[in-house]
Amino acid sequence: MPKKEPNGRHDERAEHEDRPKPDKLARVEKLFRLATDKNANEEEARTAALACVRLMKDEELTVIPSTELETVKKKIGEMTQTMEKMKKAMDRQFMKGIGVALIGSKLLKLNF
């Protein structure tokens, strides 16, 4: 959740601080590869697996299978399209409201 400054505004920098840094993602990937490397020393692989899990826990990272990732991307695309349609509909309604208000104000002026 974005942090608020004393003036009530959201601090954009604080919002981005919650995201894991790319170097930490690269570190998780490196540790994961080492932990799953069949040629690695068993103790080294175990230590890498523990370090990988700790880093993922600290950074609140979740592993999503690539098949699920495609589904999520598709749903996000559909939601984005729906939101754009809703925004256009709201804009049209707003403009209609302004038009009705302008016509109403003209009619009131003519009647008085």
Protein backbone atom coordinates (compact mmCIF):
# COMPACT_ATOMS: atom_id res chain seq x y z
CA MET A 1 0.00 0.00 0.00
CA PRO A 2 1.40 3.43 -0.91
CA LYS A 3 2.67 5.49 1.98
CA LYS A 4 1.17 8.92 2.53
CA GLU A 5 3.19 12.05 3.03
CA PRO A 6 2.14 14.56 5.75
CA ASN A 7 0.26 16.58 3.10
CA GLY A 8 -1.92 13.52 2.31
CA ARG A 9 -0.37 12.75 -1.08
CA HIS A 10 0.95 9.34 -2.02
CA ASP A 11 4.71 8.99 -2.10
CA GLU A 12 5.43 7.38 -5.49
CA ARG A 13 8.96 6.41 -4.47
CA ALA A 14 7.72 4.53 -1.42
CA GLU A 15 5.27 2.63 -3.60
CA HIS A 16 8.12 1.37 -5.80
CA GLU A 17 10.29 0.48 -2.80
CA ASP A 18 7.93 -2.44 -2.11
CA ARG A 19 8.89 -4.09 -5.39
CA PRO A 20 11.87 -6.45 -5.45
CA LYS A 21 14.96 -5.05 -7.11
CA PRO A 22 16.04 -6.67 -10.41
CA ASP A 23 19.36 -7.72 -8.87
CA LYS A 24 17.46 -9.64 -6.18
CA LEU A 25 15.42 -11.41 -8.83
CA ALA A 26 18.64 -12.30 -10.63
CA ARG A 27 20.05 -13.59 -7.34
CA VAL A 28 16.99 -15.78 -6.77
CA GLU A 29 17.36 -17.18 -10.29
CA LYS A 30 21.07 -17.88 -9.75
CA LEU A 31 20.43 -19.60 -6.41
CA PHE A 32 17.61 -21.64 -7.90
CA ARG A 33 19.81 -22.81 -10.78
CA LEU A 34 22.57 -23.77 -8.36
CA ALA A 35 20.10 -25.60 -6.10
CA THR A 36 18.76 -27.62 -9.04
CA ASP A 37 22.11 -28.24 -10.75
CA LYS A 38 22.72 -32.00 -10.87
CA ASN A 39 26.48 -31.43 -11.05
CA ALA A 40 26.63 -29.22 -7.94
CA ASN A 41 27.93 -30.40 -4.59
CA GLU A 42 24.99 -31.66 -2.47
CA GLU A 43 25.77 -29.34 0.46
CA GLU A 44 26.22 -26.35 -1.85
CA ALA A 45 22.91 -27.13 -3.56
CA ARG A 46 21.13 -27.43 -0.20
CA THR A 47 22.61 -24.12 1.00
CA ALA A 48 21.60 -22.42 -2.26
CA ALA A 49 18.05 -23.78 -1.93
CA LEU A 50 17.77 -22.42 1.62
CA ALA A 51 19.16 -19.04 0.60
CA CYS A 52 16.79 -18.93 -2.38
CA VAL A 53 13.74 -19.67 -0.22
CA ARG A 54 14.79 -17.11 2.41
CA LEU A 55 15.30 -14.42 -0.22
CA MET A 56 11.95 -15.22 -1.81
CA LYS A 57 10.26 -15.05 1.59
CA ASP A 58 11.96 -11.75 2.49
CA GLU A 59 11.01 -10.20 -0.86
CA GLU A 60 7.54 -11.79 -0.81
CA LEU A 61 8.09 -13.41 -4.21
CA THR A 62 5.78 -16.07 -5.60
CA VAL A 63 6.59 -18.61 -8.28
CA ILE A 64 3.97 -18.81 -11.02
CA PRO A 65 4.13 -21.52 -13.70
CA SER A 66 4.53 -20.08 -17.20
CA THR A 67 1.22 -21.64 -18.27
CA GLU A 68 -0.55 -19.72 -15.50
CA LEU A 69 1.39 -16.56 -16.34
CA GLU A 70 -0.05 -16.57 -19.86
CA THR A 71 -3.55 -16.92 -18.39
CA VAL A 72 -2.91 -13.99 -16.05
CA LYS A 73 -1.60 -11.84 -18.92
CA LYS A 74 -4.70 -12.67 -20.97
CA LYS A 75 -7.03 -11.76 -18.09
CA ILE A 76 -5.18 -8.48 -17.51
CA GLY A 77 -5.55 -7.66 -21.20
CA GLU A 78 -9.28 -8.39 -21.06
CA MET A 79 -9.70 -6.29 -17.92
CA THR A 80 -7.78 -3.41 -19.49
CA GLN A 81 -10.07 -3.48 -22.54
CA THR A 82 -13.15 -3.55 -20.30
CA MET A 83 -11.87 -0.62 -18.26
CA GLU A 84 -11.20 1.39 -21.44
CA LYS A 85 -14.76 0.70 -22.64
CA MET A 86 -16.15 1.75 -19.27
CA LYS A 87 -14.09 4.94 -19.29
CA LYS A 88 -15.36 5.84 -22.76
CA ALA A 89 -18.95 5.17 -21.67
CA MET A 90 -18.46 7.33 -18.55
CA ASP A 91 -16.95 10.12 -20.66
CA ARG A 92 -19.97 10.00 -22.99
CA GLN A 93 -22.36 10.11 -20.03
CA PHE A 94 -20.45 13.04 -18.57
CA MET A 95 -20.62 14.93 -21.85
CA LYS A 96 -24.37 14.20 -22.12
CA GLY A 97 -24.80 15.54 -18.60
CA ILE A 98 -22.98 18.73 -19.49
CA GLY A 99 -25.11 19.09 -22.62
CA VAL A 100 -28.33 18.62 -20.64
CA ALA A 101 -27.13 21.15 -18.05
CA LEU A 102 -26.31 23.72 -20.76
CA ILE A 103 -29.65 23.22 -22.51
CA GLY A 104 -31.44 23.41 -19.17
CA SER A 105 -29.72 26.65 -18.25
CA LYS A 106 -30.68 28.15 -21.66
CA LEU A 107 -34.30 27.09 -21.19
CA LEU A 108 -34.38 28.60 -17.71
CA LYS A 109 -33.08 31.88 -19.07
CA LEU A 110 -35.74 31.89 -21.82
CA ASN A 111 -38.57 31.19 -19.37
CA PHE A 112 -37.68 34.07 -17.05
